[in-house]
Amino acid sequence: MREGISIEVSASDRERLAAVVADGNRPQKHVWRARIILVTAEGCGTVEIMRRAGVSKRCVLRWQERFMLRRWRRLAAHGHCL
């Protein structure tokens, strides 16, 4: 895994993401985005994430970064960040 990328997913978020992956009616792009986050949260490296999600390295790195930024912004908006 790339240095500086650490994603912790709560049990409720994990359930929501797993439901997206399992839903056969979801757009495929939503499924692989959810899978990227779930596999990253397991602590897998980029190559393993690429393999499991079936996407490129660029895609993995982009969605990890986007997820981390959105999570940080959400916490900051609620006064939970320094």
PDB file of N, CA and C in Angstrom:
ATOM      1  N   MET A   1       0.840  -1.170   0.000  1.00  0.00           N
ATOM      2  CA  MET A   1       0.000   0.000   0.000  1.00  0.00           C
ATOM      3  C   MET A   1       0.885   1.233   0.000  1.00  0.00           C
ATOM      4  N   ARG A   2       0.431   2.222  -0.665  1.00  0.00           N
ATOM      5  CA  ARG A   2       1.125   3.489  -0.773  1.00  0.00           C
ATOM      6  C   ARG A   2       1.252   4.132   0.605  1.00  0.00           C
ATOM      7  N   GLU A   3       2.378   4.760   0.868  1.00  0.00           N
ATOM      8  CA  GLU A   3       2.586   5.413   2.149  1.00  0.00           C
ATOM      9  C   GLU A   3       1.605   6.567   2.315  1.00  0.00           C
ATOM     10  N   GLY A   4       1.056   6.715   3.516  1.00  0.00           N
ATOM     11  CA  GLY A   4       0.119   7.803   3.778  1.00  0.00           C
ATOM     12  C   GLY A   4      -1.333   7.432   3.533  1.00  0.00           C
ATOM     13  N   ILE A   5      -1.566   6.249   2.992  1.00  0.00           N
ATOM     14  CA  ILE A   5      -2.935   5.803   2.743  1.00  0.00           C
ATOM     15  C   ILE A   5      -3.321   4.838   3.851  1.00  0.00           C
ATOM     16  N   SER A   6      -4.239   5.282   4.656  1.00  0.00           N
ATOM     17  CA  SER A   6      -4.749   4.446   5.729  1.00  0.00           C
ATOM     18  C   SER A   6      -6.241   4.712   5.830  1.00  0.00           C
ATOM     19  N   ILE A   7      -7.018   3.712   5.531  1.00  0.00           N
ATOM     20  CA  ILE A   7      -8.460   3.876   5.540  1.00  0.00           C
ATOM     21  C   ILE A   7      -9.056   2.947   6.584  1.00  0.00           C
ATOM     22  N   GLU A   8      -9.771   3.531   7.513  1.00  0.00           N
ATOM     23  CA  GLU A   8     -10.508   2.753   8.498  1.00  0.00           C
ATOM     24  C   GLU A   8     -11.981   2.887   8.164  1.00  0.00           C
ATOM     25  N   VAL A   9     -12.668   1.783   8.106  1.00  0.00           N
ATOM     26  CA  VAL A   9     -14.079   1.764   7.746  1.00  0.00           C
ATOM     27  C   VAL A   9     -14.868   1.232   8.937  1.00  0.00           C
ATOM     28  N   SER A  10     -15.852   2.010   9.379  1.00  0.00           N
ATOM     29  CA  SER A  10     -16.682   1.568  10.500  1.00  0.00           C
ATOM     30  C   SER A  10     -17.515   0.365  10.078  1.00  0.00           C
ATOM     31  N   ALA A  11     -18.067  -0.323  11.047  1.00  0.00           N
ATOM     32  CA  ALA A  11     -18.893  -1.497  10.754  1.00  0.00           C
ATOM     33  C   ALA A  11     -20.097  -1.115   9.896  1.00  0.00           C
ATOM     34  N   SER A  12     -20.706   0.016  10.181  1.00  0.00           N
ATOM     35  CA  SER A  12     -21.876   0.429   9.393  1.00  0.00           C
ATOM     36  C   SER A  12     -21.476   0.803   7.961  1.00  0.00           C
ATOM     37  N   ASP A  13     -20.326   1.499   7.808  1.00  0.00           N
ATOM     38  CA  ASP A  13     -19.844   1.821   6.458  1.00  0.00           C
ATOM     39  C   ASP A  13     -19.480   0.555   5.698  1.00  0.00           C
ATOM     40  N   ARG A  14     -18.860  -0.398   6.412  1.00  0.00           N
ATOM     41  CA  ARG A  14     -18.477  -1.663   5.784  1.00  0.00           C
ATOM     42  C   ARG A  14     -19.721  -2.395   5.271  1.00  0.00           C
ATOM     43  N   GLU A  15     -20.792  -2.394   6.066  1.00  0.00           N
ATOM     44  CA  GLU A  15     -22.045  -3.036   5.649  1.00  0.00           C
ATOM     45  C   GLU A  15     -22.616  -2.364   4.402  1.00  0.00           C
ATOM     46  N   ARG A  16     -22.601  -1.020   4.405  1.00  0.00           N
ATOM     47  CA  ARG A  16     -23.117  -0.280   3.234  1.00  0.00           C
ATOM     48  C   ARG A  16     -22.293  -0.576   1.986  1.00  0.00           C
ATOM     49  N   LEU A  17     -20.972  -0.566   2.135  1.00  0.00           N
ATOM     50  CA  LEU A  17     -20.106  -0.844   0.986  1.00  0.00           C
ATOM     51  C   LEU A  17     -20.277  -2.279   0.505  1.00  0.00           C
ATOM     52  N   ALA A  18     -20.394  -3.217   1.424  1.00  0.00           N
ATOM     53  CA  ALA A  18     -20.597  -4.619   1.051  1.00  0.00           C
ATOM     54  C   ALA A  18     -21.936  -4.792   0.334  1.00  0.00           C
ATOM     55  N   ALA A  19     -22.950  -4.044   0.749  1.00  0.00           N
ATOM     56  CA  ALA A  19     -24.256  -4.114   0.082  1.00  0.00           C
ATOM     57  C   ALA A  19     -24.163  -3.594  -1.349  1.00  0.00           C
ATOM     58  N   VAL A  20     -23.359  -2.560  -1.555  1.00  0.00           N
ATOM     59  CA  VAL A  20     -23.155  -2.038  -2.919  1.00  0.00           C
ATOM     60  C   VAL A  20     -22.497  -3.108  -3.780  1.00  0.00           C
ATOM     61  N   VAL A  21     -21.474  -3.766  -3.247  1.00  0.00           N
ATOM     62  CA  VAL A  21     -20.756  -4.808  -3.999  1.00  0.00           C
ATOM     63  C   VAL A  21     -21.691  -5.971  -4.331  1.00  0.00           C
ATOM     64  N   ALA A  22     -22.558  -6.322  -3.399  1.00  0.00           N
ATOM     65  CA  ALA A  22     -23.454  -7.478  -3.591  1.00  0.00           C
ATOM     66  C   ALA A  22     -24.675  -7.186  -4.452  1.00  0.00           C
ATOM     67  N   ASP A  23     -25.032  -5.921  -4.614  1.00  0.00           N
ATOM     68  CA  ASP A  23     -26.237  -5.545  -5.354  1.00  0.00           C
ATOM     69  C   ASP A  23     -26.020  -5.705  -6.858  1.00  0.00           C
ATOM     70  N   GLY A  24     -26.708  -6.643  -7.446  1.00  0.00           N
ATOM     71  CA  GLY A  24     -26.567  -6.909  -8.875  1.00  0.00           C
ATOM     72  C   GLY A  24     -27.134  -5.828  -9.776  1.00  0.00           C
ATOM     73  N   ASN A  25     -27.867  -4.876  -9.203  1.00  0.00           N
ATOM     74  CA  ASN A  25     -28.465  -3.809 -10.003  1.00  0.00           C
ATOM     75  C   ASN A  25     -27.661  -2.512  -9.973  1.00  0.00           C
ATOM     76  N   ARG A  26     -26.586  -2.474  -9.214  1.00  0.00           N
ATOM     77  CA  ARG A  26     -25.755  -1.277  -9.120  1.00  0.00           C
ATOM     78  C   ARG A  26     -24.894  -1.128 -10.365  1.00  0.00           C
ATOM     79  N   PRO A  27     -24.617   0.109 -10.775  1.00  0.00           N
ATOM     80  CA  PRO A  27     -23.664   0.314 -11.866  1.00  0.00           C
ATOM     81  C   PRO A  27     -22.300  -0.265 -11.472  1.00  0.00           C
ATOM     82  N   GLN A  28     -21.631  -0.864 -12.421  1.00  0.00           N
ATOM     83  CA  GLN A  28     -20.360  -1.530 -12.138  1.00  0.00           C
ATOM     84  C   GLN A  28     -19.333  -0.576 -11.537  1.00  0.00           C
ATOM     85  N   LYS A  29     -19.355   0.687 -11.951  1.00  0.00           N
ATOM     86  CA  LYS A  29     -18.379   1.629 -11.401  1.00  0.00           C
ATOM     87  C   LYS A  29     -18.587   1.825  -9.899  1.00  0.00           C
ATOM     88  N   HIS A  30     -19.819   1.759  -9.411  1.00  0.00           N
ATOM     89  CA  HIS A  30     -20.073   1.872  -7.978  1.00  0.00           C
ATOM     90  C   HIS A  30     -19.551   0.639  -7.250  1.00  0.00           C
ATOM     91  N   VAL A  31     -19.683  -0.508  -7.891  1.00  0.00           N
ATOM     92  CA  VAL A  31     -19.220  -1.760  -7.286  1.00  0.00           C
ATOM     93  C   VAL A  31     -17.712  -1.740  -7.120  1.00  0.00           C
ATOM     94  N   TRP A  32     -16.968  -1.368  -8.161  1.00  0.00           N
ATOM     95  CA  TRP A  32     -15.512  -1.406  -8.002  1.00  0.00           C
ATOM     96  C   TRP A  32     -15.004  -0.305  -7.101  1.00  0.00           C
ATOM     97  N   ARG A  33     -15.698   0.835  -7.033  1.00  0.00           N
ATOM     98  CA  ARG A  33     -15.281   1.871  -6.077  1.00  0.00           C
ATOM     99  C   ARG A  33     -15.434   1.361  -4.648  1.00  0.00           C
ATOM    100  N   ALA A  34     -16.566   0.731  -4.364  1.00  0.00           N
ATOM    101  CA  ALA A  34     -16.800   0.172  -3.025  1.00  0.00           C
ATOM    102  C   ALA A  34     -15.779  -0.917  -2.722  1.00  0.00           C
ATOM    103  N   ARG A  35     -15.493  -1.748  -3.707  1.00  0.00           N
ATOM    104  CA  ARG A  35     -14.526  -2.834  -3.512  1.00  0.00           C
ATOM    105  C   ARG A  35     -13.132  -2.268  -3.231  1.00  0.00           C
ATOM    106  N   ILE A  36     -12.745  -1.202  -3.919  1.00  0.00           N
ATOM    107  CA  ILE A  36     -11.439  -0.569  -3.680  1.00  0.00           C
ATOM    108  C   ILE A  36     -11.322  -0.146  -2.220  1.00  0.00           C
ATOM    109  N   ILE A  37     -12.350   0.489  -1.697  1.00  0.00           N
ATOM    110  CA  ILE A  37     -12.309   0.963  -0.317  1.00  0.00           C
ATOM    111  C   ILE A  37     -12.291  -0.202   0.670  1.00  0.00           C
ATOM    112  N   LEU A  38     -13.112  -1.205   0.426  1.00  0.00           N
ATOM    113  CA  LEU A  38     -13.143  -2.363   1.322  1.00  0.00           C
ATOM    114  C   LEU A  38     -11.797  -3.084   1.368  1.00  0.00           C
ATOM    115  N   VAL A  39     -11.197  -3.308   0.219  1.00  0.00           N
ATOM    116  CA  VAL A  39      -9.918  -4.036   0.167  1.00  0.00           C
ATOM    117  C   VAL A  39      -8.796  -3.176   0.745  1.00  0.00           C
ATOM    118  N   THR A  40      -8.846  -1.866   0.520  1.00  0.00           N
ATOM    119  CA  THR A  40      -7.861  -0.968   1.119  1.00  0.00           C
ATOM    120  C   THR A  40      -7.960  -1.023   2.639  1.00  0.00           C
ATOM    121  N   ALA A  41      -9.182  -1.032   3.160  1.00  0.00           N
ATOM    122  CA  ALA A  41      -9.392  -1.084   4.609  1.00  0.00           C
ATOM    123  C   ALA A  41      -8.856  -2.384   5.214  1.00  0.00           C
ATOM    124  N   GLU A  42      -8.788  -3.441   4.414  1.00  0.00           N
ATOM    125  CA  GLU A  42      -8.216  -4.709   4.879  1.00  0.00           C
ATOM    126  C   GLU A  42      -6.697  -4.622   4.997  1.00  0.00           C
ATOM    127  N   GLY A  43      -6.102  -3.572   4.421  1.00  0.00           N
ATOM    128  CA  GLY A  43      -4.657  -3.396   4.496  1.00  0.00           C
ATOM    129  C   GLY A  43      -3.900  -3.992   3.329  1.00  0.00           C
ATOM    130  N   CYS A  44      -4.603  -4.352   2.271  1.00  0.00           N
ATOM    131  CA  CYS A  44      -3.952  -4.936   1.093  1.00  0.00           C
ATOM    132  C   CYS A  44      -3.190  -3.872   0.321  1.00  0.00           C
ATOM    133  N   GLY A  45      -2.178  -4.320  -0.402  1.00  0.00           N
ATOM    134  CA  GLY A  45      -1.383  -3.432  -1.230  1.00  0.00           C
ATOM    135  C   GLY A  45      -2.083  -3.092  -2.533  1.00  0.00           C
ATOM    136  N   THR A  46      -1.523  -2.150  -3.246  1.00  0.00           N
ATOM    137  CA  THR A  46      -2.128  -1.647  -4.477  1.00  0.00           C
ATOM    138  C   THR A  46      -2.322  -2.740  -5.521  1.00  0.00           C
ATOM    139  N   VAL A  47      -1.339  -3.597  -5.698  1.00  0.00           N
ATOM    140  CA  VAL A  47      -1.452  -4.656  -6.707  1.00  0.00           C
ATOM    141  C   VAL A  47      -2.603  -5.608  -6.377  1.00  0.00           C
ATOM    142  N   GLU A  48      -2.731  -5.954  -5.113  1.00  0.00           N
ATOM    143  CA  GLU A  48      -3.830  -6.827  -4.696  1.00  0.00           C
ATOM    144  C   GLU A  48      -5.181  -6.143  -4.878  1.00  0.00           C
ATOM    145  N   ILE A  49      -5.245  -4.866  -4.578  1.00  0.00           N
ATOM    146  CA  ILE A  49      -6.491  -4.111  -4.765  1.00  0.00           C
ATOM    147  C   ILE A  49      -6.847  -4.075  -6.242  1.00  0.00           C
ATOM    148  N   MET A  50      -5.857  -3.830  -7.091  1.00  0.00           N
ATOM    149  CA  MET A  50      -6.085  -3.817  -8.539  1.00  0.00           C
ATOM    150  C   MET A  50      -6.629  -5.161  -9.003  1.00  0.00           C
ATOM    151  N   ARG A  51      -6.048  -6.241  -8.493  1.00  0.00           N
ATOM    152  CA  ARG A  51      -6.468  -7.575  -8.890  1.00  0.00           C
ATOM    153  C   ARG A  51      -7.909  -7.847  -8.465  1.00  0.00           C
ATOM    154  N   ARG A  52      -8.218  -7.557  -7.202  1.00  0.00           N
ATOM    155  CA  ARG A  52      -9.558  -7.850  -6.686  1.00  0.00           C
ATOM    156  C   ARG A  52     -10.644  -6.975  -7.298  1.00  0.00           C
ATOM    157  N   ALA A  53     -10.315  -5.710  -7.532  1.00  0.00           N
ATOM    158  CA  ALA A  53     -11.322  -4.793  -8.076  1.00  0.00           C
ATOM    159  C   ALA A  53     -11.363  -4.829  -9.601  1.00  0.00           C
ATOM    160  N   GLY A  54     -10.304  -5.323 -10.209  1.00  0.00           N
ATOM    161  CA  GLY A  54     -10.262  -5.391 -11.668  1.00  0.00           C
ATOM    162  C   GLY A  54     -10.114  -4.032 -12.329  1.00  0.00           C
ATOM    163  N   VAL A  55      -9.316  -3.159 -11.678  1.00  0.00           N
ATOM    164  CA  VAL A  55      -9.137  -1.805 -12.205  1.00  0.00           C
ATOM    165  C   VAL A  55      -7.651  -1.471 -12.269  1.00  0.00           C
ATOM    166  N   SER A  56      -7.341  -0.328 -12.864  1.00  0.00           N
ATOM    167  CA  SER A  56      -5.951   0.103 -13.018  1.00  0.00           C
ATOM    168  C   SER A  56      -5.393   0.700 -11.731  1.00  0.00           C
ATOM    169  N   LYS A  57      -4.075   0.831 -11.690  1.00  0.00           N
ATOM    170  CA  LYS A  57      -3.408   1.432 -10.544  1.00  0.00           C
ATOM    171  C   LYS A  57      -3.872   2.874 -10.362  1.00  0.00           C
ATOM    172  N   ARG A  58      -3.961   3.586 -11.457  1.00  0.00           N
ATOM    173  CA  ARG A  58      -4.408   4.984 -11.405  1.00  0.00           C
ATOM    174  C   ARG A  58      -5.790   5.094 -10.763  1.00  0.00           C
ATOM    175  N   CYS A  59      -6.679   4.191 -11.123  1.00  0.00           N
ATOM    176  CA  CYS A  59      -8.035   4.180 -10.578  1.00  0.00           C
ATOM    177  C   CYS A  59      -8.003   3.917  -9.069  1.00  0.00           C
ATOM    178  N   VAL A  60      -7.209   2.949  -8.634  1.00  0.00           N
ATOM    179  CA  VAL A  60      -7.100   2.631  -7.207  1.00  0.00           C
ATOM    180  C   VAL A  60      -6.603   3.848  -6.431  1.00  0.00           C
ATOM    181  N   LEU A  61      -5.523   4.442  -6.894  1.00  0.00           N
ATOM    182  CA  LEU A  61      -4.934   5.579  -6.187  1.00  0.00           C
ATOM    183  C   LEU A  61      -5.901   6.762  -6.147  1.00  0.00           C
ATOM    184  N   ARG A  62      -6.600   6.994  -7.241  1.00  0.00           N
ATOM    185  CA  ARG A  62      -7.557   8.099  -7.306  1.00  0.00           C
ATOM    186  C   ARG A  62      -8.681   7.920  -6.298  1.00  0.00           C
ATOM    187  N   TRP A  63      -9.260   6.720  -6.230  1.00  0.00           N
ATOM    188  CA  TRP A  63     -10.403   6.511  -5.340  1.00  0.00           C
ATOM    189  C   TRP A  63      -9.997   6.419  -3.876  1.00  0.00           C
ATOM    190  N   GLN A  64      -8.800   5.946  -3.589  1.00  0.00           N
ATOM    191  CA  GLN A  64      -8.315   5.987  -2.209  1.00  0.00           C
ATOM    192  C   GLN A  64      -8.203   7.437  -1.749  1.00  0.00           C
ATOM    193  N   GLU A  65      -7.600   8.249  -2.592  1.00  0.00           N
ATOM    194  CA  GLU A  65      -7.411   9.657  -2.252  1.00  0.00           C
ATOM    195  C   GLU A  65      -8.751  10.378  -2.099  1.00  0.00           C
ATOM    196  N   ARG A  66      -9.665  10.142  -3.027  1.00  0.00           N
ATOM    197  CA  ARG A  66     -10.971  10.787  -2.948  1.00  0.00           C
ATOM    198  C   ARG A  66     -11.725  10.386  -1.686  1.00  0.00           C
ATOM    199  N   PHE A  67     -11.670   9.111  -1.343  1.00  0.00           N
ATOM    200  CA  PHE A  67     -12.358   8.642  -0.142  1.00  0.00           C
ATOM    201  C   PHE A  67     -11.771   9.303   1.101  1.00  0.00           C
ATOM    202  N   MET A  68     -10.430   9.362   1.178  1.00  0.00           N
ATOM    203  CA  MET A  68      -9.783   9.967   2.337  1.00  0.00           C
ATOM    204  C   MET A  68     -10.117  11.449   2.449  1.00  0.00           C
ATOM    205  N   LEU A  69     -10.107  12.175   1.344  1.00  0.00           N
ATOM    206  CA  LEU A  69     -10.417  13.607   1.373  1.00  0.00           C
ATOM    207  C   LEU A  69     -11.858  13.856   1.788  1.00  0.00           C
ATOM    208  N   ARG A  70     -12.770  13.097   1.258  1.00  0.00           N
ATOM    209  CA  ARG A  70     -14.181  13.275   1.615  1.00  0.00           C
ATOM    210  C   ARG A  70     -14.416  12.957   3.080  1.00  0.00           C
ATOM    211  N   ARG A  71     -13.800  11.910   3.565  1.00  0.00           N
ATOM    212  CA  ARG A  71     -13.956  11.535   4.978  1.00  0.00           C
ATOM    213  C   ARG A  71     -13.411  12.646   5.864  1.00  0.00           C
ATOM    214  N   TRP A  72     -12.224  13.180   5.522  1.00  0.00           N
ATOM    215  CA  TRP A  72     -11.621  14.239   6.315  1.00  0.00           C
ATOM    216  C   TRP A  72     -12.499  15.481   6.303  1.00  0.00           C
ATOM    217  N   ARG A  73     -13.014  15.856   5.142  1.00  0.00           N
ATOM    218  CA  ARG A  73     -13.885  17.037   5.040  1.00  0.00           C
ATOM    219  C   ARG A  73     -15.142  16.866   5.871  1.00  0.00           C
ATOM    220  N   ARG A  74     -15.710  15.669   5.854  1.00  0.00           N
ATOM    221  CA  ARG A  74     -16.915  15.398   6.631  1.00  0.00           C
ATOM    222  C   ARG A  74     -16.630  15.552   8.125  1.00  0.00           C
ATOM    223  N   LEU A  75     -15.499  15.031   8.585  1.00  0.00           N
ATOM    224  CA  LEU A  75     -15.136  15.163   9.996  1.00  0.00           C
ATOM    225  C   LEU A  75     -14.860  16.616  10.363  1.00  0.00           C
ATOM    226  N   ALA A  76     -14.149  17.318   9.487  1.00  0.00           N
ATOM    227  CA  ALA A  76     -13.822  18.716   9.757  1.00  0.00           C
ATOM    228  C   ALA A  76     -15.089  19.565   9.833  1.00  0.00           C
ATOM    229  N   ALA A  77     -16.053  19.261   9.006  1.00  0.00           N
ATOM    230  CA  ALA A  77     -17.312  20.021   9.004  1.00  0.00           C
ATOM    231  C   ALA A  77     -18.064  19.848  10.315  1.00  0.00           C
ATOM    232  N   HIS A  78     -17.824  18.736  10.984  1.00  0.00           N
ATOM    233  CA  HIS A  78     -18.508  18.472  12.255  1.00  0.00           C
ATOM    234  C   HIS A  78     -17.609  18.774  13.460  1.00  0.00           C
ATOM    235  N   GLY A  79     -16.461  19.419  13.214  1.00  0.00           N
ATOM    236  CA  GLY A  79     -15.581  19.828  14.299  1.00  0.00           C
ATOM    237  C   GLY A  79     -14.775  18.715  14.930  1.00  0.00           C
ATOM    238  N   HIS A  80     -14.564  17.606  14.217  1.00  0.00           N
ATOM    239  CA  HIS A  80     -13.837  16.477  14.788  1.00  0.00           C
ATOM    240  C   HIS A  80     -12.358  16.460  14.410  1.00  0.00           C
ATOM    241  N   CYS A  81     -11.912  17.383  13.567  1.00  0.00           N
ATOM    242  CA  CYS A  81     -10.504  17.408  13.175  1.00  0.00           C
ATOM    243  C   CYS A  81      -9.817  18.621  13.780  1.00  0.00           C
ATOM    244  N   LEU A  82      -8.516  18.532  13.942  1.00  0.00           N
ATOM    245  CA  LEU A  82      -7.757  19.655  14.484  1.00  0.00           C
ATOM    246  C   LEU A  82      -7.620  20.759  13.481  1.00  0.00           C
TER     247      LEU A  82
END
